């Protein structure tokens, strides 16, 4: 019984998770430019896409919640 409960939730998150292509499109709406890198990572227990984009004003990292597609953070990288 318990295993079925966890399998149901695991399948729920897999069904509702956005894919990398969707994450890129979301990020490009906020920071138009050239996508340099896409990573899938966890932050504070949340699955997050980290998308690095080169724009005309610099290089940015856009973090997107992989389950909802919500923008979590846009940060300009300074090197």
PDB file of N, CA and C in Angstrom:
ATOM      1  N   UNK A   1       0.816  -1.198   0.000  1.00  0.00           N
ATOM      2  CA  UNK A   1       0.000   0.000   0.000  1.00  0.00           C
ATOM      3  C   UNK A   1       0.861   1.263   0.000  1.00  0.00           C
ATOM      4  N   UNK A   2       1.864   1.306   0.876  1.00  0.00           N
ATOM      5  CA  UNK A   2       2.741   2.475   0.964  1.00  0.00           C
ATOM      6  C   UNK A   2       3.510   2.656  -0.340  1.00  0.00           C
ATOM      7  N   UNK A   3       3.995   1.559  -0.920  1.00  0.00           N
ATOM      8  CA  UNK A   3       4.735   1.653  -2.180  1.00  0.00           C
ATOM      9  C   UNK A   3       3.885   2.260  -3.289  1.00  0.00           C
ATOM     10  N   UNK A   4       2.612   1.894  -3.338  1.00  0.00           N
ATOM     11  CA  UNK A   4       1.718   2.461  -4.352  1.00  0.00           C
ATOM     12  C   UNK A   4       1.555   3.954  -4.170  1.00  0.00           C
ATOM     13  N   UNK A   5       1.499   4.399  -2.905  1.00  0.00           N
ATOM     14  CA  UNK A   5       1.363   5.825  -2.617  1.00  0.00           C
ATOM     15  C   UNK A   5       2.561   6.592  -3.170  1.00  0.00           C
ATOM     16  N   UNK A   6       3.773   6.118  -2.887  1.00  0.00           N
ATOM     17  CA  UNK A   6       4.973   6.806  -3.360  1.00  0.00           C
ATOM     18  C   UNK A   6       5.126   6.709  -4.871  1.00  0.00           C
ATOM     19  N   UNK A   7       4.767   5.588  -5.454  1.00  0.00           N
ATOM     20  CA  UNK A   7       4.825   5.452  -6.911  1.00  0.00           C
ATOM     21  C   UNK A   7       3.858   6.414  -7.588  1.00  0.00           C
ATOM     22  N   UNK A   8       2.688   6.604  -6.980  1.00  0.00           N
ATOM     23  CA  UNK A   8       1.718   7.547  -7.547  1.00  0.00           C
ATOM     24  C   UNK A   8       2.274   8.957  -7.555  1.00  0.00           C
ATOM     25  N   UNK A   9       2.905   9.387  -6.437  1.00  0.00           N
ATOM     26  CA  UNK A   9       3.474  10.736  -6.382  1.00  0.00           C
ATOM     27  C   UNK A   9       4.662  10.865  -7.325  1.00  0.00           C
ATOM     28  N   UNK A  10       5.485   9.830  -7.423  1.00  0.00           N
ATOM     29  CA  UNK A  10       6.636   9.856  -8.318  1.00  0.00           C
ATOM     30  C   UNK A  10       6.153  10.030  -9.759  1.00  0.00           C
ATOM     31  N   UNK A  11       5.136   9.280 -10.138  1.00  0.00           N
ATOM     32  CA  UNK A  11       4.580   9.402 -11.491  1.00  0.00           C
ATOM     33  C   UNK A  11       3.926  10.756 -11.706  1.00  0.00           C
ATOM     34  N   UNK A  12       3.287  11.310 -10.675  1.00  0.00           N
ATOM     35  CA  UNK A  12       2.668  12.630 -10.781  1.00  0.00           C
ATOM     36  C   UNK A  12       3.713  13.674 -11.169  1.00  0.00           C
ATOM     37  N   UNK A  13       4.856  13.675 -10.479  1.00  0.00           N
ATOM     38  CA  UNK A  13       5.879  14.681 -10.765  1.00  0.00           C
ATOM     39  C   UNK A  13       6.509  14.461 -12.130  1.00  0.00           C
ATOM     40  N   UNK A  14       6.640  13.238 -12.554  1.00  0.00           N
ATOM     41  CA  UNK A  14       7.199  12.982 -13.887  1.00  0.00           C
ATOM     42  C   UNK A  14       6.252  13.473 -14.979  1.00  0.00           C
ATOM     43  N   UNK A  15       4.965  13.313 -14.766  1.00  0.00           N
ATOM     44  CA  UNK A  15       3.977  13.751 -15.754  1.00  0.00           C
ATOM     45  C   UNK A  15       3.930  15.274 -15.842  1.00  0.00           C
ATOM     46  N   UNK A  16       4.054  15.961 -14.709  1.00  0.00           N
ATOM     47  CA  UNK A  16       3.898  17.404 -14.676  1.00  0.00           C
ATOM     48  C   UNK A  16       5.201  18.172 -14.802  1.00  0.00           C
ATOM     49  N   UNK A  17       6.292  17.482 -14.991  1.00  0.00           N
ATOM     50  CA  UNK A  17       7.585  18.138 -15.120  1.00  0.00           C
ATOM     51  C   UNK A  17       7.738  18.679 -16.544  1.00  0.00           C
ATOM     52  N   UNK A  18       8.272  19.911 -16.664  1.00  0.00           N
ATOM     53  CA  UNK A  18       8.533  20.451 -17.994  1.00  0.00           C
ATOM     54  C   UNK A  18       9.840  19.849 -18.498  1.00  0.00           C
ATOM     55  N   UNK A  19      10.017  19.819 -19.811  1.00  0.00           N
ATOM     56  CA  UNK A  19      11.253  19.277 -20.357  1.00  0.00           C
ATOM     57  C   UNK A  19      12.238  20.415 -20.644  1.00  0.00           C
ATOM     58  N   UNK A  20      13.443  20.042 -21.043  1.00  0.00           N
ATOM     59  CA  UNK A  20      14.495  21.026 -21.281  1.00  0.00           C
ATOM     60  C   UNK A  20      14.140  22.032 -22.359  1.00  0.00           C
ATOM     61  N   UNK A  21      13.502  21.580 -23.431  1.00  0.00           N
ATOM     62  CA  UNK A  21      13.131  22.489 -24.525  1.00  0.00           C
ATOM     63  C   UNK A  21      12.126  23.539 -24.045  1.00  0.00           C
ATOM     64  N   UNK A  22      11.171  23.120 -23.219  1.00  0.00           N
ATOM     65  CA  UNK A  22      10.197  24.075 -22.669  1.00  0.00           C
ATOM     66  C   UNK A  22      10.886  25.071 -21.741  1.00  0.00           C
ATOM     67  N   UNK A  23      11.820  24.586 -20.928  1.00  0.00           N
ATOM     68  CA  UNK A  23      12.554  25.469 -20.026  1.00  0.00           C
ATOM     69  C   UNK A  23      13.349  26.512 -20.809  1.00  0.00           C
ATOM     70  N   UNK A  24      13.967  26.108 -21.899  1.00  0.00           N
ATOM     71  CA  UNK A  24      14.728  27.039 -22.730  1.00  0.00           C
ATOM     72  C   UNK A  24      13.808  28.116 -23.293  1.00  0.00           C
ATOM     73  N   UNK A  25      12.643  27.726 -23.792  1.00  0.00           N
ATOM     74  CA  UNK A  25      11.711  28.702 -24.361  1.00  0.00           C
ATOM     75  C   UNK A  25      11.245  29.707 -23.306  1.00  0.00           C
ATOM     76  N   UNK A  26      10.998  29.218 -22.100  1.00  0.00           N
ATOM     77  CA  UNK A  26      10.591  30.113 -21.009  1.00  0.00           C
ATOM     78  C   UNK A  26      11.711  31.098 -20.708  1.00  0.00           C
ATOM     79  N   UNK A  27      12.938  30.598 -20.588  1.00  0.00           N
ATOM     80  CA  UNK A  27      14.087  31.456 -20.269  1.00  0.00           C
ATOM     81  C   UNK A  27      14.312  32.506 -21.346  1.00  0.00           C
ATOM     82  N   UNK A  28      14.187  32.122 -22.612  1.00  0.00           N
ATOM     83  CA  UNK A  28      14.422  33.059 -23.718  1.00  0.00           C
ATOM     84  C   UNK A  28      13.364  34.156 -23.796  1.00  0.00           C
ATOM     85  N   UNK A  29      12.189  33.924 -23.237  1.00  0.00           N
ATOM     86  CA  UNK A  29      11.170  34.978 -23.177  1.00  0.00           C
ATOM     87  C   UNK A  29      11.623  36.123 -22.272  1.00  0.00           C
ATOM     88  N   UNK A  30      12.389  35.784 -21.246  1.00  0.00           N
ATOM     89  CA  UNK A  30      12.857  36.782 -20.279  1.00  0.00           C
ATOM     90  C   UNK A  30      14.232  37.339 -20.613  1.00  0.00           C
ATOM     91  N   UNK A  31      15.094  36.490 -21.191  1.00  0.00           N
ATOM     92  CA  UNK A  31      16.448  36.909 -21.556  1.00  0.00           C
ATOM     93  C   UNK A  31      16.725  36.414 -22.975  1.00  0.00           C
ATOM     94  N   UNK A  32      16.396  37.218 -23.988  1.00  0.00           N
ATOM     95  CA  UNK A  32      16.651  36.800 -25.363  1.00  0.00           C
ATOM     96  C   UNK A  32      18.159  36.737 -25.620  1.00  0.00           C
ATOM     97  N   UNK A  33      18.586  35.697 -26.301  1.00  0.00           N
ATOM     98  CA  UNK A  33      20.002  35.565 -26.630  1.00  0.00           C
ATOM     99  C   UNK A  33      20.339  34.154 -27.062  1.00  0.00           C
ATOM    100  N   UNK A  34      21.608  33.801 -26.901  1.00  0.00           N
ATOM    101  CA  UNK A  34      22.121  32.495 -27.306  1.00  0.00           C
ATOM    102  C   UNK A  34      22.267  31.604 -26.069  1.00  0.00           C
ATOM    103  N   UNK A  35      21.648  30.439 -26.110  1.00  0.00           N
ATOM    104  CA  UNK A  35      21.747  29.496 -24.999  1.00  0.00           C
ATOM    105  C   UNK A  35      23.118  28.833 -25.042  1.00  0.00           C
ATOM    106  N   UNK A  36      23.858  28.963 -23.937  1.00  0.00           N
ATOM    107  CA  UNK A  36      25.194  28.388 -23.852  1.00  0.00           C
ATOM    108  C   UNK A  36      25.204  27.042 -23.141  1.00  0.00           C
ATOM    109  N   UNK A  37      24.335  26.896 -22.130  1.00  0.00           N
ATOM    110  CA  UNK A  37      24.360  25.672 -21.324  1.00  0.00           C
ATOM    111  C   UNK A  37      23.018  25.478 -20.634  1.00  0.00           C
ATOM    112  N   UNK A  38      22.618  24.211 -20.509  1.00  0.00           N
ATOM    113  CA  UNK A  38      21.399  23.853 -19.770  1.00  0.00           C
ATOM    114  C   UNK A  38      21.761  22.724 -18.815  1.00  0.00           C
ATOM    115  N   UNK A  39      21.450  22.919 -17.538  1.00  0.00           N
ATOM    116  CA  UNK A  39      21.699  21.886 -16.532  1.00  0.00           C
ATOM    117  C   UNK A  39      20.432  21.653 -15.729  1.00  0.00           C
ATOM    118  N   UNK A  40      20.257  20.425 -15.289  1.00  0.00           N
ATOM    119  CA  UNK A  40      19.149  20.076 -14.395  1.00  0.00           C
ATOM    120  C   UNK A  40      19.769  19.758 -13.040  1.00  0.00           C
ATOM    121  N   UNK A  41      19.346  20.464 -12.002  1.00  0.00           N
ATOM    122  CA  UNK A  41      19.944  20.345 -10.680  1.00  0.00           C
ATOM    123  C   UNK A  41      18.843  20.445  -9.634  1.00  0.00           C
ATOM    124  N   UNK A  42      19.183  20.230  -8.377  1.00  0.00           N
ATOM    125  CA  UNK A  42      18.232  20.449  -7.294  1.00  0.00           C
ATOM    126  C   UNK A  42      18.737  21.572  -6.402  1.00  0.00           C
ATOM    127  N   UNK A  43      17.806  22.393  -5.951  1.00  0.00           N
ATOM    128  CA  UNK A  43      18.100  23.473  -5.014  1.00  0.00           C
ATOM    129  C   UNK A  43      16.999  23.496  -3.969  1.00  0.00           C
ATOM    130  N   UNK A  44      17.389  23.332  -2.732  1.00  0.00           N
ATOM    131  CA  UNK A  44      16.444  23.331  -1.611  1.00  0.00           C
ATOM    132  C   UNK A  44      15.346  22.294  -1.820  1.00  0.00           C
ATOM    133  N   UNK A  45      15.723  21.148  -2.399  1.00  0.00           N
ATOM    134  CA  UNK A  45      14.777  20.063  -2.613  1.00  0.00           C
ATOM    135  C   UNK A  45      13.888  20.222  -3.829  1.00  0.00           C
ATOM    136  N   UNK A  46      14.141  21.235  -4.654  1.00  0.00           N
ATOM    137  CA  UNK A  46      13.333  21.493  -5.849  1.00  0.00           C
ATOM    138  C   UNK A  46      14.180  21.202  -7.087  1.00  0.00           C
ATOM    139  N   UNK A  47      13.607  20.502  -8.047  1.00  0.00           N
ATOM    140  CA  UNK A  47      14.285  20.242  -9.308  1.00  0.00           C
ATOM    141  C   UNK A  47      14.277  21.522 -10.138  1.00  0.00           C
ATOM    142  N   UNK A  48      15.468  21.968 -10.573  1.00  0.00           N
ATOM    143  CA  UNK A  48      15.614  23.283 -11.212  1.00  0.00           C
ATOM    144  C   UNK A  48      16.447  23.163 -12.488  1.00  0.00           C
ATOM    145  N   UNK A  49      15.970  23.819 -13.546  1.00  0.00           N
ATOM    146  CA  UNK A  49      16.786  23.993 -14.746  1.00  0.00           C
ATOM    147  C   UNK A  49      17.608  25.261 -14.570  1.00  0.00           C
ATOM    148  N   UNK A  50      18.908  25.162 -14.830  1.00  0.00           N
ATOM    149  CA  UNK A  50      19.790  26.322 -14.823  1.00  0.00           C
ATOM    150  C   UNK A  50      20.231  26.541 -16.265  1.00  0.00           C
ATOM    151  N   UNK A  51      19.782  27.648 -16.841  1.00  0.00           N
ATOM    152  CA  UNK A  51      20.034  27.921 -18.254  1.00  0.00           C
ATOM    153  C   UNK A  51      20.922  29.149 -18.360  1.00  0.00           C
ATOM    154  N   UNK A  52      22.065  28.968 -19.003  1.00  0.00           N
ATOM    155  CA  UNK A  52      23.010  30.064 -19.194  1.00  0.00           C
ATOM    156  C   UNK A  52      22.804  30.632 -20.590  1.00  0.00           C
ATOM    157  N   UNK A  53      22.599  31.954 -20.653  1.00  0.00           N
ATOM    158  CA  UNK A  53      22.287  32.631 -21.916  1.00  0.00           C
ATOM    159  C   UNK A  53      23.225  33.816 -22.104  1.00  0.00           C
ATOM    160  N   UNK A  54      23.777  33.920 -23.303  1.00  0.00           N
ATOM    161  CA  UNK A  54      24.559  35.115 -23.657  1.00  0.00           C
ATOM    162  C   UNK A  54      23.623  36.087 -24.365  1.00  0.00           C
ATOM    163  N   UNK A  55      23.424  37.245 -23.750  1.00  0.00           N
ATOM    164  CA  UNK A  55      22.587  38.304 -24.313  1.00  0.00           C
ATOM    165  C   UNK A  55      23.489  39.468 -24.715  1.00  0.00           C
ATOM    166  N   UNK A  56      22.915  40.472 -25.343  1.00  0.00           N
ATOM    167  CA  UNK A  56      23.702  41.636 -25.769  1.00  0.00           C
ATOM    168  C   UNK A  56      24.250  42.416 -24.575  1.00  0.00           C
ATOM    169  N   UNK A  57      23.641  42.245 -23.408  1.00  0.00           N
ATOM    170  CA  UNK A  57      24.070  42.989 -22.213  1.00  0.00           C
ATOM    171  C   UNK A  57      24.907  42.152 -21.248  1.00  0.00           C
ATOM    172  N   UNK A  58      25.242  40.919 -21.622  1.00  0.00           N
ATOM    173  CA  UNK A  58      26.067  40.080 -20.765  1.00  0.00           C
ATOM    174  C   UNK A  58      25.591  38.642 -20.752  1.00  0.00           C
ATOM    175  N   UNK A  59      26.152  37.863 -19.830  1.00  0.00           N
ATOM    176  CA  UNK A  59      25.787  36.453 -19.679  1.00  0.00           C
ATOM    177  C   UNK A  59      24.916  36.322 -18.434  1.00  0.00           C
ATOM    178  N   UNK A  60      23.806  35.594 -18.580  1.00  0.00           N
ATOM    179  CA  UNK A  60      22.828  35.446 -17.499  1.00  0.00           C
ATOM    180  C   UNK A  60      22.589  33.974 -17.214  1.00  0.00           C
ATOM    181  N   UNK A  61      22.262  33.690 -15.948  1.00  0.00           N
ATOM    182  CA  UNK A  61      21.803  32.367 -15.563  1.00  0.00           C
ATOM    183  C   UNK A  61      20.347  32.499 -15.136  1.00  0.00           C
ATOM    184  N   UNK A  62      19.503  31.738 -15.789  1.00  0.00           N
ATOM    185  CA  UNK A  62      18.072  31.754 -15.491  1.00  0.00           C
ATOM    186  C   UNK A  62      17.734  30.422 -14.827  1.00  0.00           C
ATOM    187  N   UNK A  63      17.145  30.483 -13.646  1.00  0.00           N
ATOM    188  CA  UNK A  63      16.751  29.281 -12.922  1.00  0.00           C
ATOM    189  C   UNK A  63      15.240  29.135 -13.010  1.00  0.00           C
ATOM    190  N   UNK A  64      14.813  27.933 -13.415  1.00  0.00           N
ATOM    191  CA  UNK A  64      13.400  27.654 -13.648  1.00  0.00           C
ATOM    192  C   UNK A  64      13.004  26.398 -12.885  1.00  0.00           C
ATOM    193  N   UNK A  65      11.892  26.470 -12.159  1.00  0.00           N
ATOM    194  CA  UNK A  65      11.348  25.304 -11.467  1.00  0.00           C
ATOM    195  C   UNK A  65      10.947  24.272 -12.523  1.00  0.00           C
ATOM    196  N   UNK A  66      11.556  23.088 -12.460  1.00  0.00           N
ATOM    197  CA  UNK A  66      11.331  22.060 -13.475  1.00  0.00           C
ATOM    198  C   UNK A  66       9.948  21.434 -13.375  1.00  0.00           C
ATOM    199  N   UNK A  67       9.260  21.631 -12.270  1.00  0.00           N
ATOM    200  CA  UNK A  67       7.918  21.067 -12.122  1.00  0.00           C
ATOM    201  C   UNK A  67       6.831  22.008 -12.597  1.00  0.00           C
ATOM    202  N   UNK A  68       7.046  23.315 -12.419  1.00  0.00           N
ATOM    203  CA  UNK A  68       5.989  24.279 -12.728  1.00  0.00           C
ATOM    204  C   UNK A  68       6.308  25.201 -13.901  1.00  0.00           C
ATOM    205  N   UNK A  69       7.598  25.345 -14.235  1.00  0.00           N
ATOM    206  CA  UNK A  69       7.990  26.282 -15.277  1.00  0.00           C
ATOM    207  C   UNK A  69       8.141  27.708 -14.771  1.00  0.00           C
ATOM    208  N   UNK A  70       8.036  27.898 -13.468  1.00  0.00           N
ATOM    209  CA  UNK A  70       8.145  29.231 -12.875  1.00  0.00           C
ATOM    210  C   UNK A  70       9.600  29.690 -12.843  1.00  0.00           C
ATOM    211  N   UNK A  71       9.822  30.961 -13.196  1.00  0.00           N
ATOM    212  CA  UNK A  71      11.144  31.563 -13.084  1.00  0.00           C
ATOM    213  C   UNK A  71      11.450  31.756 -11.602  1.00  0.00           C
ATOM    214  N   UNK A  72      12.558  31.206 -11.153  1.00  0.00           N
ATOM    215  CA  UNK A  72      12.949  31.345  -9.742  1.00  0.00           C
ATOM    216  C   UNK A  72      13.961  32.472  -9.552  1.00  0.00           C
ATOM    217  N   UNK A  73      14.824  32.649 -10.552  1.00  0.00           N
ATOM    218  CA  UNK A  73      15.880  33.659 -10.413  1.00  0.00           C
ATOM    219  C   UNK A  73      16.496  33.938 -11.782  1.00  0.00           C
ATOM    220  N   UNK A  74      16.827  35.209 -11.996  1.00  0.00           N
ATOM    221  CA  UNK A  74      17.616  35.612 -13.161  1.00  0.00           C
ATOM    222  C   UNK A  74      18.791  36.384 -12.612  1.00  0.00           C
ATOM    223  N   UNK A  75      19.979  35.891 -12.912  1.00  0.00           N
ATOM    224  CA  UNK A  75      21.184  36.491 -12.344  1.00  0.00           C
ATOM    225  C   UNK A  75      22.207  36.756 -13.442  1.00  0.00           C
ATOM    226  N   UNK A  76      22.739  37.965 -13.443  1.00  0.00           N
ATOM    227  CA  UNK A  76      23.784  38.300 -14.397  1.00  0.00           C
ATOM    228  C   UNK A  76      25.109  37.806 -13.841  1.00  0.00           C
ATOM    229  N   UNK A  77      25.869  37.104 -14.670  1.00  0.00           N
ATOM    230  CA  UNK A  77      27.153  36.569 -14.245  1.00  0.00           C
ATOM    231  C   UNK A  77      28.248  37.581 -14.574  1.00  0.00           C
ATOM    232  N   UNK A  78      29.113  37.792 -13.617  1.00  0.00           N
ATOM    233  CA  UNK A  78      30.235  38.714 -13.798  1.00  0.00           C
ATOM    234  C   UNK A  78      31.524  37.917 -13.718  1.00  0.00           C
ATOM    235  N   UNK A  79      32.286  37.916 -14.798  1.00  0.00           N
ATOM    236  CA  UNK A  79      33.582  37.210 -14.826  1.00  0.00           C
ATOM    237  C   UNK A  79      34.705  38.166 -15.009  1.00  0.00           C
TER     238      UNK A  79
END
